[in-house]
Amino acid sequence: MEEAPNHILVPKHIIASEEEVRKLLDSLKKPVESLPIISSSDPGLNTLNARAGDVVRIERLSPVTEKIEPYYRLVVESED
């Protein structure tokens, strides 16, 4: 599991493990392609070596719960 370096403006990005992705998709009862996407050239992924098909967990502060909440994104190839 790789993490992007900490920066005040970039929430924590982590490549999710296969088991974590499986549990997430089982709970959602959806295929991985139904997850929101993130481009492989996104600045938050710069040091992760994330590849198309990876699922990234983004941990950011929820304005509603005021707790750190995970958000999942499917990495897609950059169109640059």
N, C-alpha and C. Protein backbone atom coordinates (compact mmCIF):
# COMPACT_ATOMS: atom_id res chain seq x y z
N MET A 1 0.85 -1.17 0.00
CA MET A 1 0.00 0.00 0.00
C MET A 1 0.90 1.23 0.00
N GLU A 2 0.78 2.03 -1.05
CA GLU A 2 1.60 3.23 -1.16
C GLU A 2 0.79 4.46 -0.79
N GLU A 3 1.48 5.45 -0.22
CA GLU A 3 0.84 6.71 0.15
C GLU A 3 1.53 7.86 -0.53
N ALA A 4 0.74 8.88 -0.89
CA ALA A 4 1.32 10.12 -1.41
C ALA A 4 1.87 10.91 -0.22
N PRO A 5 2.87 11.76 -0.46
CA PRO A 5 3.41 12.56 0.65
C PRO A 5 2.39 13.54 1.19
N ASN A 6 2.54 13.88 2.45
CA ASN A 6 1.61 14.82 3.08
C ASN A 6 1.84 16.23 2.56
N HIS A 7 0.76 16.94 2.32
CA HIS A 7 0.81 18.35 1.93
C HIS A 7 -0.49 18.95 2.43
N ILE A 8 -0.44 20.16 2.90
CA ILE A 8 -1.61 20.79 3.52
C ILE A 8 -2.80 20.90 2.57
N LEU A 9 -2.55 21.03 1.27
CA LEU A 9 -3.64 21.21 0.32
C LEU A 9 -4.08 19.92 -0.37
N VAL A 10 -3.36 18.83 -0.15
CA VAL A 10 -3.68 17.57 -0.81
C VAL A 10 -4.08 16.54 0.24
N PRO A 11 -5.32 16.03 0.17
CA PRO A 11 -5.70 15.01 1.14
C PRO A 11 -4.89 13.74 0.91
N LYS A 12 -4.85 12.90 1.90
CA LYS A 12 -4.08 11.65 1.84
C LYS A 12 -4.65 10.74 0.75
N HIS A 13 -3.79 10.28 -0.15
CA HIS A 13 -4.14 9.35 -1.22
C HIS A 13 -3.40 8.04 -0.96
N ILE A 14 -4.11 6.93 -1.05
CA ILE A 14 -3.53 5.61 -0.80
C ILE A 14 -4.09 4.65 -1.84
N ILE A 15 -3.22 3.82 -2.42
CA ILE A 15 -3.72 2.78 -3.31
C ILE A 15 -4.37 1.71 -2.43
N ALA A 16 -5.63 1.44 -2.68
CA ALA A 16 -6.39 0.48 -1.87
C ALA A 16 -5.94 -0.94 -2.19
N SER A 17 -5.94 -1.77 -1.17
CA SER A 17 -5.59 -3.18 -1.37
C SER A 17 -6.72 -3.91 -2.11
N GLU A 18 -6.38 -5.04 -2.69
CA GLU A 18 -7.39 -5.83 -3.40
C GLU A 18 -8.53 -6.22 -2.47
N GLU A 19 -8.19 -6.58 -1.24
CA GLU A 19 -9.22 -6.98 -0.27
C GLU A 19 -10.14 -5.81 0.07
N GLU A 20 -9.55 -4.63 0.26
CA GLU A 20 -10.35 -3.44 0.56
C GLU A 20 -11.31 -3.13 -0.59
N VAL A 21 -10.82 -3.25 -1.82
CA VAL A 21 -11.65 -2.98 -3.00
C VAL A 21 -12.77 -4.01 -3.08
N ARG A 22 -12.44 -5.28 -2.84
CA ARG A 22 -13.45 -6.33 -2.90
C ARG A 22 -14.56 -6.07 -1.88
N LYS A 23 -14.18 -5.73 -0.65
CA LYS A 23 -15.17 -5.45 0.39
C LYS A 23 -16.04 -4.25 0.02
N LEU A 24 -15.41 -3.21 -0.52
CA LEU A 24 -16.14 -2.02 -0.93
C LEU A 24 -17.17 -2.37 -2.00
N LEU A 25 -16.74 -3.07 -3.04
CA LEU A 25 -17.63 -3.40 -4.15
C LEU A 25 -18.73 -4.35 -3.71
N ASP A 26 -18.41 -5.28 -2.80
CA ASP A 26 -19.43 -6.19 -2.26
C ASP A 26 -20.49 -5.40 -1.50
N SER A 27 -20.06 -4.41 -0.73
CA SER A 27 -21.02 -3.63 0.06
C SER A 27 -21.88 -2.73 -0.84
N LEU A 28 -21.28 -2.24 -1.94
CA LEU A 28 -22.03 -1.38 -2.86
C LEU A 28 -22.87 -2.17 -3.85
N LYS A 29 -22.51 -3.45 -4.03
CA LYS A 29 -23.15 -4.31 -5.02
C LYS A 29 -23.06 -3.67 -6.41
N LYS A 30 -21.87 -3.17 -6.71
CA LYS A 30 -21.60 -2.50 -7.98
C LYS A 30 -20.26 -2.97 -8.53
N PRO A 31 -20.06 -2.87 -9.85
CA PRO A 31 -18.74 -3.19 -10.41
C PRO A 31 -17.76 -2.04 -10.20
N VAL A 32 -16.48 -2.34 -10.30
CA VAL A 32 -15.45 -1.33 -10.08
C VAL A 32 -15.61 -0.15 -11.05
N GLU A 33 -16.13 -0.41 -12.24
CA GLU A 33 -16.31 0.65 -13.23
C GLU A 33 -17.34 1.69 -12.82
N SER A 34 -18.14 1.39 -11.80
CA SER A 34 -19.15 2.34 -11.33
C SER A 34 -18.57 3.39 -10.38
N LEU A 35 -17.31 3.19 -9.94
CA LEU A 35 -16.69 4.16 -9.04
C LEU A 35 -16.38 5.45 -9.80
N PRO A 36 -16.39 6.59 -9.11
CA PRO A 36 -15.95 7.83 -9.74
C PRO A 36 -14.50 7.66 -10.18
N ILE A 37 -14.09 8.41 -11.19
CA ILE A 37 -12.74 8.24 -11.72
C ILE A 37 -11.80 9.36 -11.29
N ILE A 38 -10.49 9.07 -11.41
CA ILE A 38 -9.43 10.03 -11.18
C ILE A 38 -8.38 9.77 -12.25
N SER A 39 -7.89 10.82 -12.87
CA SER A 39 -6.90 10.70 -13.93
C SER A 39 -5.54 10.29 -13.36
N SER A 40 -4.83 9.46 -14.10
CA SER A 40 -3.50 9.03 -13.64
C SER A 40 -2.53 10.21 -13.55
N SER A 41 -2.87 11.34 -14.15
CA SER A 41 -2.00 12.52 -14.07
C SER A 41 -2.42 13.48 -12.96
N ASP A 42 -3.39 13.10 -12.14
CA ASP A 42 -3.83 13.95 -11.04
C ASP A 42 -2.66 14.21 -10.09
N PRO A 43 -2.46 15.47 -9.65
CA PRO A 43 -1.34 15.79 -8.77
C PRO A 43 -1.28 14.96 -7.48
N GLY A 44 -2.41 14.52 -6.97
CA GLY A 44 -2.42 13.72 -5.75
C GLY A 44 -1.81 12.34 -5.94
N LEU A 45 -1.65 11.93 -7.20
CA LEU A 45 -1.11 10.60 -7.50
C LEU A 45 0.36 10.64 -7.92
N ASN A 46 0.96 11.82 -7.92
CA ASN A 46 2.32 11.99 -8.44
C ASN A 46 3.32 10.96 -7.95
N THR A 47 3.34 10.65 -6.69
CA THR A 47 4.36 9.74 -6.15
C THR A 47 3.84 8.33 -5.86
N LEU A 48 2.61 8.06 -6.21
CA LEU A 48 2.03 6.74 -5.90
C LEU A 48 2.34 5.67 -6.93
N ASN A 49 2.71 6.05 -8.13
CA ASN A 49 2.87 5.09 -9.22
C ASN A 49 1.57 4.34 -9.48
N ALA A 50 0.44 5.05 -9.32
CA ALA A 50 -0.87 4.44 -9.58
C ALA A 50 -1.04 4.25 -11.07
N ARG A 51 -1.62 3.12 -11.43
CA ARG A 51 -1.85 2.80 -12.84
C ARG A 51 -3.34 2.66 -13.11
N ALA A 52 -3.69 2.78 -14.36
CA ALA A 52 -5.09 2.60 -14.76
C ALA A 52 -5.59 1.27 -14.20
N GLY A 53 -6.76 1.30 -13.57
CA GLY A 53 -7.35 0.10 -12.97
C GLY A 53 -7.16 0.02 -11.47
N ASP A 54 -6.20 0.78 -10.93
CA ASP A 54 -6.03 0.83 -9.48
C ASP A 54 -7.19 1.61 -8.86
N VAL A 55 -7.50 1.32 -7.62
CA VAL A 55 -8.48 2.08 -6.87
C VAL A 55 -7.73 2.84 -5.78
N VAL A 56 -7.98 4.14 -5.71
CA VAL A 56 -7.31 4.99 -4.74
C VAL A 56 -8.32 5.41 -3.67
N ARG A 57 -7.89 5.30 -2.42
CA ARG A 57 -8.69 5.79 -1.29
C ARG A 57 -8.16 7.18 -0.94
N ILE A 58 -9.06 8.15 -0.93
CA ILE A 58 -8.70 9.52 -0.58
C ILE A 58 -9.34 9.81 0.77
N GLU A 59 -8.53 10.18 1.73
CA GLU A 59 -9.03 10.45 3.08
C GLU A 59 -9.09 11.96 3.28
N ARG A 60 -10.31 12.46 3.36
CA ARG A 60 -10.46 13.91 3.53
C ARG A 60 -11.51 14.22 4.59
N LEU A 61 -11.43 15.43 5.10
CA LEU A 61 -12.33 15.86 6.15
C LEU A 61 -13.72 16.14 5.57
N SER A 62 -14.73 15.49 6.13
CA SER A 62 -16.10 15.70 5.69
C SER A 62 -16.64 16.97 6.34
N PRO A 63 -17.21 17.88 5.55
CA PRO A 63 -17.78 19.08 6.14
C PRO A 63 -19.05 18.77 6.94
N VAL A 64 -19.65 17.63 6.70
CA VAL A 64 -20.88 17.25 7.40
C VAL A 64 -20.59 16.60 8.74
N THR A 65 -19.74 15.56 8.71
CA THR A 65 -19.47 14.82 9.94
C THR A 65 -18.28 15.38 10.72
N GLU A 66 -17.49 16.21 10.05
CA GLU A 66 -16.27 16.76 10.63
C GLU A 66 -15.29 15.66 11.05
N LYS A 67 -15.34 14.53 10.33
CA LYS A 67 -14.42 13.41 10.54
C LYS A 67 -13.73 13.12 9.22
N ILE A 68 -12.61 12.42 9.30
CA ILE A 68 -11.93 11.97 8.10
C ILE A 68 -12.76 10.84 7.49
N GLU A 69 -13.15 11.00 6.24
CA GLU A 69 -13.97 10.01 5.55
C GLU A 69 -13.22 9.52 4.30
N PRO A 70 -13.35 8.24 3.96
CA PRO A 70 -12.69 7.74 2.75
C PRO A 70 -13.57 7.96 1.52
N TYR A 71 -12.93 8.35 0.45
CA TYR A 71 -13.58 8.48 -0.85
C TYR A 71 -12.77 7.62 -1.80
N TYR A 72 -13.42 6.85 -2.65
CA TYR A 72 -12.73 5.92 -3.53
C TYR A 72 -12.86 6.39 -4.98
N ARG A 73 -11.75 6.27 -5.71
CA ARG A 73 -11.72 6.66 -7.11
C ARG A 73 -10.99 5.59 -7.92
N LEU A 74 -11.49 5.32 -9.11
CA LEU A 74 -10.86 4.39 -10.04
C LEU A 74 -9.90 5.18 -10.91
N VAL A 75 -8.65 4.75 -10.96
CA VAL A 75 -7.64 5.45 -11.77
C VAL A 75 -7.84 5.09 -13.23
N VAL A 76 -7.91 6.12 -14.07
CA VAL A 76 -8.01 5.93 -15.52
C VAL A 76 -6.80 6.60 -16.18
N GLU A 77 -6.45 6.12 -17.34
CA GLU A 77 -5.30 6.66 -18.05
C GLU A 77 -5.54 8.12 -18.41
N SER A 78 -4.51 8.91 -18.22
CA SER A 78 -4.58 10.32 -18.54
C SER A 78 -4.73 10.50 -20.05
N GLU A 79 -5.52 11.49 -20.45
CA GLU A 79 -5.72 11.74 -21.88
C GLU A 79 -4.80 12.84 -22.39
N ASP A 80 -3.76 13.17 -21.61
CA ASP A 80 -2.82 14.22 -22.03
C ASP A 80 -1.99 13.80 -23.21
